[in-house]
């Protein structure tokens, strides 16, 4: 199968399903997962659900002490240090993990930042593109010797935010006219394109990749947004109370799609697609709020982004 059609498959789950719902009847004993940012928001719920199903979960964290505190009492977890905005940190984490001789069964790129003020990391890269995409790109490529033998599923947590912008090829680092939401959109489009290209490169080796929108959830991801902006968007009132609970998922519901992507037998033999509400999403038409934009699943753009990312990070597990 060269490509997976971008159409719903009738998974039996939906927007209100939780991570525990989609894992019911699935035994992950003996399986190892890596969940970036697996100690906060959706990542924390993902880690908890995977461990309840028997998995061992490695949580690489920019703030290891905070991660250990958040995961206190959760069995089957180990915390290590990783800053996705620092490629030396990515390399060091990958080297430590590879030295352990273990293989990866589930790789979930969950960590991310959203709509932050203009911030530069590394050699002047825009922080959202660098952290959300380039850091995960480098991480997966460096961990490839552990990912391939496990026939892993690689899950890239994107967002409906990819609707805001495709890749800005002439200025991916936003050196002019920075817009925090469009920069976030570009980074989330990059998350989808990464999964599209990785799946094309890796499927013949038994590794499949998926991208997804977890849903709207109030989590620490909103930490860069001024309270007034969230009030103006109709998310909260002046007291911080969520105004329209039906607009948002709970963290347990928000974690469901990435857990489903990583574990569901319904996805065996499939890959390279964008998911939402625990199913494969439809292509988004003009004006659609749901679904995936064509620029995020275009195989030519995916290949172009892969080449750019390999050039910027200096790592490519698939280089000839």
Protein backbone atom coordinates (compact mmCIF):
# COMPACT_ATOMS: atom_id res chain seq x y z
CA UNK A 1 0.00 0.00 0.00
CA UNK A 2 1.71 3.20 -1.15
CA UNK A 3 -0.64 5.66 0.48
CA UNK A 4 -3.52 5.60 2.90
CA UNK A 5 -6.69 7.35 1.70
CA UNK A 6 -7.50 10.36 3.87
CA UNK A 7 -10.98 9.10 4.80
CA UNK A 8 -12.69 7.97 7.98
CA UNK A 9 -12.60 4.25 8.69
CA UNK A 10 -15.37 4.09 11.31
CA UNK A 11 -13.19 3.41 14.33
CA UNK A 12 -16.06 3.15 16.80
CA UNK A 13 -14.56 5.98 18.84
CA UNK A 14 -15.14 9.72 18.68
CA UNK A 15 -14.57 13.15 20.19
CA UNK A 16 -15.65 12.14 23.69
CA UNK A 17 -13.64 8.91 23.85
CA UNK A 18 -10.85 8.87 26.43
CA UNK A 19 -7.37 7.40 26.31
CA UNK A 20 -8.53 4.58 28.59
CA UNK A 21 -11.49 3.92 26.26
CA UNK A 22 -9.29 3.36 23.21
CA UNK A 23 -6.88 1.16 25.20
CA UNK A 24 -9.57 -1.13 26.58
CA UNK A 25 -8.57 -4.70 25.79
CA UNK A 26 -5.08 -3.72 24.60
CA UNK A 27 -2.16 -5.15 26.59
CA UNK A 28 1.06 -3.15 26.28
CA UNK A 29 3.08 -5.27 28.69
CA UNK A 30 6.67 -5.42 27.51
CA UNK A 31 6.25 -2.49 25.13
CA UNK A 32 8.34 0.67 25.45
CA UNK A 33 7.02 4.14 24.62
CA UNK A 34 8.77 7.49 24.45
CA UNK A 35 6.44 10.45 25.05
CA UNK A 36 8.00 13.89 24.74
CA UNK A 37 6.40 16.32 27.16
CA UNK A 38 4.76 13.35 28.83
CA UNK A 39 4.44 15.10 32.17
CA UNK A 40 2.03 17.96 31.45
CA UNK A 41 -1.41 18.36 29.89
CA UNK A 42 -2.16 15.78 27.21
CA UNK A 43 1.27 14.24 27.58
CA UNK A 44 0.66 13.45 31.24
CA UNK A 45 -2.67 11.77 30.46
CA UNK A 46 -1.01 9.85 27.63
CA UNK A 47 1.74 8.59 29.94
CA UNK A 48 -0.74 7.57 32.62
CA UNK A 49 -2.95 5.68 30.16
CA UNK A 50 -0.04 3.83 28.52
CA UNK A 51 1.37 2.73 31.87
CA UNK A 52 -2.07 1.53 33.01
CA UNK A 53 -2.09 -0.67 29.90
CA UNK A 54 1.29 -2.12 30.91
CA UNK A 55 3.77 -0.07 28.87
CA UNK A 56 7.11 1.24 30.10
CA UNK A 57 7.22 4.97 29.30
CA UNK A 58 10.31 7.13 28.94
CA UNK A 59 9.51 10.82 29.40
CA UNK A 60 12.20 13.18 28.09
CA UNK A 61 11.64 16.55 29.75
CA UNK A 62 13.07 20.03 29.52
CA UNK A 63 12.36 20.33 33.27
CA UNK A 64 13.19 16.88 34.69
CA UNK A 65 12.53 17.87 38.32
CA UNK A 66 9.07 19.17 37.39
CA UNK A 67 8.43 16.00 35.39
CA UNK A 68 9.39 13.73 38.28
CA UNK A 69 7.07 15.66 40.59
CA UNK A 70 4.16 15.46 38.13
CA UNK A 71 4.71 11.73 37.58
CA UNK A 72 5.19 10.87 41.24
CA UNK A 73 3.20 7.73 41.98
CA UNK A 74 2.92 6.69 38.32
CA UNK A 75 4.61 3.31 37.95
CA UNK A 76 6.57 2.18 34.92
CA UNK A 77 7.95 5.63 34.07
CA UNK A 78 11.46 6.98 33.77
CA UNK A 79 12.37 10.64 33.26
CA UNK A 80 15.37 11.93 31.30
CA UNK A 81 16.49 15.38 30.20
CA UNK A 82 15.71 16.78 26.75
CA UNK A 83 15.33 20.30 25.38
CA UNK A 84 13.87 20.03 21.86
CA UNK A 85 15.05 23.56 21.09
CA UNK A 86 18.69 22.52 21.62
CA UNK A 87 20.07 20.01 19.12
CA UNK A 88 22.99 19.15 21.42
CA UNK A 89 20.45 18.17 24.07
CA UNK A 90 18.57 16.04 21.51
CA UNK A 91 21.77 14.27 20.52
CA UNK A 92 22.77 13.66 24.15
CA UNK A 93 19.39 12.17 25.06
CA UNK A 94 19.40 9.93 21.99
CA UNK A 95 22.92 8.70 22.76
CA UNK A 96 21.94 7.87 26.34
CA UNK A 97 18.85 6.00 25.20
CA UNK A 98 20.66 4.06 22.46
CA UNK A 99 23.36 3.08 24.97
CA UNK A 100 20.65 1.30 26.98
CA UNK A 101 20.25 -1.17 24.10
CA UNK A 102 16.46 -1.00 24.14
CA UNK A 103 14.08 -0.75 21.20
CA UNK A 104 11.18 1.69 20.85
CA UNK A 105 7.68 0.39 20.15
CA UNK A 106 5.73 3.67 20.39
CA UNK A 107 7.22 7.10 19.73
CA UNK A 108 4.88 10.01 20.50
CA UNK A 109 6.10 13.53 19.71
CA UNK A 110 3.72 15.33 22.05
CA UNK A 111 5.75 18.26 23.41
CA UNK A 112 5.25 21.68 21.89
CA UNK A 113 4.86 25.41 22.32
CA UNK A 114 2.05 27.59 20.97
CA UNK A 115 1.71 31.22 19.91
CA UNK A 116 4.73 32.43 21.87
CA UNK A 117 6.22 35.91 21.45
CA UNK A 118 8.95 36.02 18.81
CA UNK A 119 11.72 33.84 20.24
CA UNK A 120 14.96 32.61 18.68
CA UNK A 121 16.78 29.39 19.52
CA UNK A 122 19.95 27.74 18.23
CA UNK A 123 21.37 29.58 15.22
CA UNK A 124 18.50 32.09 15.20
CA UNK A 125 15.68 29.69 14.34
CA UNK A 126 12.07 30.63 15.09
CA UNK A 127 11.25 28.79 18.31
CA UNK A 128 7.94 27.15 17.33
CA UNK A 129 9.32 25.66 14.10
CA UNK A 130 12.53 24.65 15.88
CA UNK A 131 10.93 23.09 18.95
CA UNK A 132 7.74 21.59 17.54
CA UNK A 133 9.25 20.30 14.30
CA UNK A 134 13.03 20.37 13.99
CA UNK A 135 13.65 19.01 17.50
CA UNK A 136 11.32 16.07 16.92
CA UNK A 137 12.77 15.53 13.44
CA UNK A 138 16.28 15.27 14.87
CA UNK A 139 15.10 13.10 17.76
CA UNK A 140 13.37 10.49 15.58
CA UNK A 141 16.28 10.35 13.14
CA UNK A 142 18.82 9.94 15.95
CA UNK A 143 16.69 7.27 17.64
CA UNK A 144 16.17 5.40 14.36
CA UNK A 145 18.50 2.51 15.36
CA UNK A 146 16.06 1.81 18.23
CA UNK A 147 12.85 2.66 16.32
CA UNK A 148 13.35 0.43 13.27
CA UNK A 149 13.94 -2.91 15.08
CA UNK A 150 10.76 -2.42 17.12
CA UNK A 151 8.65 -1.81 14.03
CA UNK A 152 7.49 1.24 15.93
CA UNK A 153 4.60 3.57 15.32
CA UNK A 154 5.73 7.19 15.25
CA UNK A 155 3.03 9.69 16.24
CA UNK A 156 3.41 13.39 15.50
CA UNK A 157 1.03 15.58 17.51
CA UNK A 158 -0.09 18.38 15.20
CA UNK A 159 -3.16 20.58 15.55
CA UNK A 160 -6.05 22.13 13.71
CA UNK A 161 -3.69 25.11 13.89
CA UNK A 162 -2.09 23.78 10.69
CA UNK A 163 -5.03 25.48 8.93
CA UNK A 164 -3.40 28.85 9.74
CA UNK A 165 -0.40 28.44 7.46
CA UNK A 166 1.49 26.13 5.18
CA UNK A 167 5.28 26.11 5.21
CA UNK A 168 6.62 29.58 4.45
CA UNK A 169 9.33 28.34 2.12
CA UNK A 170 10.86 31.76 1.45
CA UNK A 171 11.13 32.57 5.17
CA UNK A 172 10.57 29.50 7.41
CA UNK A 173 12.25 31.19 10.37
CA UNK A 174 10.02 34.28 10.22
CA UNK A 175 12.84 36.80 10.00
CA UNK A 176 10.29 39.33 8.77
CA UNK A 177 6.71 40.15 9.85
CA UNK A 178 6.51 37.61 12.67
CA UNK A 179 2.96 36.47 13.39
CA UNK A 180 2.71 34.11 16.38
CA UNK A 181 -0.37 32.26 15.11
CA UNK A 182 0.86 31.82 11.55
CA UNK A 183 4.22 30.66 12.87
CA UNK A 184 2.38 28.14 15.04
CA UNK A 185 0.39 27.07 11.97
CA UNK A 186 3.57 26.51 9.97
CA UNK A 187 5.04 24.38 12.78
CA UNK A 188 1.87 22.28 12.99
CA UNK A 189 1.81 21.83 9.20
CA UNK A 190 5.41 20.68 9.49
CA UNK A 191 4.34 18.06 12.06
CA UNK A 192 1.94 16.57 9.51
CA UNK A 193 4.38 16.71 6.59
CA UNK A 194 6.98 14.99 8.79
CA UNK A 195 4.65 12.03 9.35
CA UNK A 196 3.76 11.88 5.64
CA UNK A 197 7.41 11.71 4.58
CA UNK A 198 8.58 9.44 7.40
CA UNK A 199 5.84 6.96 6.56
CA UNK A 200 6.85 6.97 2.89
CA UNK A 201 10.49 6.35 3.79
CA UNK A 202 9.94 3.85 6.59
CA UNK A 203 6.89 1.74 5.72
CA UNK A 204 8.95 -0.86 3.84
CA UNK A 205 10.98 -1.29 7.04
CA UNK A 206 7.90 -1.92 9.15
CA UNK A 207 7.63 1.53 10.75
CA UNK A 208 4.48 3.61 10.23
CA UNK A 209 3.84 7.27 11.07
CA UNK A 210 0.73 9.28 11.84
CA UNK A 211 -0.09 12.92 12.61
CA UNK A 212 -3.14 14.16 14.47
CA UNK A 213 -5.22 16.96 15.94
CA UNK A 214 -5.96 16.12 19.59
CA UNK A 215 -8.85 18.58 19.87
CA UNK A 216 -9.20 21.85 21.72
CA UNK A 217 -8.14 21.47 25.35
CA UNK A 218 -7.28 24.03 28.01
CA UNK A 219 -3.79 22.94 29.15
CA UNK A 220 -0.45 24.59 29.97
CA UNK A 221 0.03 24.89 26.18
CA UNK A 222 -1.86 28.20 26.49
CA UNK A 223 0.75 29.64 28.87
CA UNK A 224 1.99 32.20 26.33
CA UNK A 225 -1.48 33.61 25.65
CA UNK A 226 -2.49 36.76 27.53
CA UNK A 227 -5.63 36.26 29.59
CA UNK A 228 -7.32 39.10 27.69
CA UNK A 229 -6.75 37.32 24.37
CA UNK A 230 -8.42 34.16 25.69
CA UNK A 231 -11.33 36.28 26.95
CA UNK A 232 -11.66 37.95 23.53
CA UNK A 233 -11.64 34.54 21.84
CA UNK A 234 -14.55 33.51 24.05
CA UNK A 235 -12.60 30.73 25.77
CA UNK A 236 -12.76 32.02 29.36
CA UNK A 237 -14.36 34.81 31.38
CA UNK A 238 -12.53 37.41 33.46
CA UNK A 239 -12.38 34.92 36.36
CA UNK A 240 -10.67 32.29 34.22
CA UNK A 241 -13.76 30.07 34.01
CA UNK A 242 -14.13 28.16 30.74
CA UNK A 243 -17.16 29.69 29.01
CA UNK A 244 -18.10 26.91 26.62
CA UNK A 245 -17.13 23.52 28.03
CA UNK A 246 -18.58 21.87 24.93
CA UNK A 247 -15.94 23.62 22.84
CA UNK A 248 -13.13 21.87 24.69
CA UNK A 249 -12.18 18.30 25.46
CA UNK A 250 -10.94 17.11 28.82
CA UNK A 251 -7.26 16.16 28.94
CA UNK A 252 -8.32 12.48 29.07
CA UNK A 253 -10.32 12.96 25.87
CA UNK A 254 -7.57 15.05 24.30
CA UNK A 255 -5.02 12.28 24.85
CA UNK A 256 -7.23 9.68 23.20
CA UNK A 257 -6.36 10.29 19.54
CA UNK A 258 -2.60 10.09 20.05
CA UNK A 259 -2.97 6.93 22.15
CA UNK A 260 -5.29 5.46 19.48
CA UNK A 261 -2.75 6.37 16.79
CA UNK A 262 0.03 4.63 18.70
CA UNK A 263 -1.81 1.43 19.58
CA UNK A 264 -4.98 0.72 17.59
CA UNK A 265 -5.06 -2.54 15.61
CA UNK A 266 -7.45 -0.75 13.22
CA UNK A 267 -4.44 1.20 11.91
CA UNK A 268 -2.32 -1.87 11.14
CA UNK A 269 -1.03 -1.58 7.59
CA UNK A 270 -1.97 2.11 7.38
CA UNK A 271 0.08 5.27 7.81
CA UNK A 272 1.03 8.69 6.53
CA UNK A 273 -2.34 10.18 7.43
CA UNK A 274 -3.78 12.87 9.70
CA UNK A 275 -6.21 11.83 12.42
CA UNK A 276 -8.80 13.60 14.56
CA UNK A 277 -11.41 12.42 17.08
CA UNK A 278 -9.92 8.89 17.08
CA UNK A 279 -10.37 8.32 13.35
CA UNK A 280 -8.70 9.21 10.07
CA UNK A 281 -9.78 12.74 9.15
CA UNK A 282 -11.30 13.85 5.88
CA UNK A 283 -9.62 16.37 3.58
CA UNK A 284 -10.69 19.90 4.52
CA UNK A 285 -12.56 21.91 1.94
CA UNK A 286 -12.61 25.69 1.71
CA UNK A 287 -14.05 27.11 4.92
CA UNK A 288 -14.03 23.77 6.77
CA UNK A 289 -12.97 23.96 10.41
CA UNK A 290 -12.18 20.25 10.61
CA UNK A 291 -10.13 17.91 8.48
CA UNK A 292 -6.67 18.33 7.00
CA UNK A 293 -5.53 20.98 4.56
CA UNK A 294 -4.05 19.76 1.27
CA UNK A 295 -0.77 21.59 1.90
CA UNK A 296 -0.16 19.43 4.99
CA UNK A 297 -0.42 16.07 3.19
CA UNK A 298 1.25 16.95 -0.11
CA UNK A 299 4.03 14.36 -0.66
CA UNK A 300 6.19 16.77 -2.65
CA UNK A 301 6.08 19.36 0.12
CA UNK A 302 6.76 16.61 2.63
CA UNK A 303 9.89 15.55 0.74
CA UNK A 304 10.99 19.18 0.42
CA UNK A 305 10.56 19.75 4.16
CA UNK A 306 12.45 16.56 4.98
CA UNK A 307 15.40 17.73 2.87
CA UNK A 308 15.35 21.18 4.48
CA UNK A 309 15.13 19.67 7.98
CA UNK A 310 18.01 17.28 7.31
CA UNK A 311 20.10 20.19 6.07
CA UNK A 312 19.30 22.34 9.12
CA UNK A 313 19.77 19.61 11.75
CA UNK A 314 22.59 17.71 10.09
CA UNK A 315 20.91 14.37 10.63
CA UNK A 316 19.04 12.03 8.27
CA UNK A 317 18.66 8.33 9.07
CA UNK A 318 17.64 7.67 5.47
CA UNK A 319 20.52 9.43 3.68
CA UNK A 320 22.06 7.25 0.99
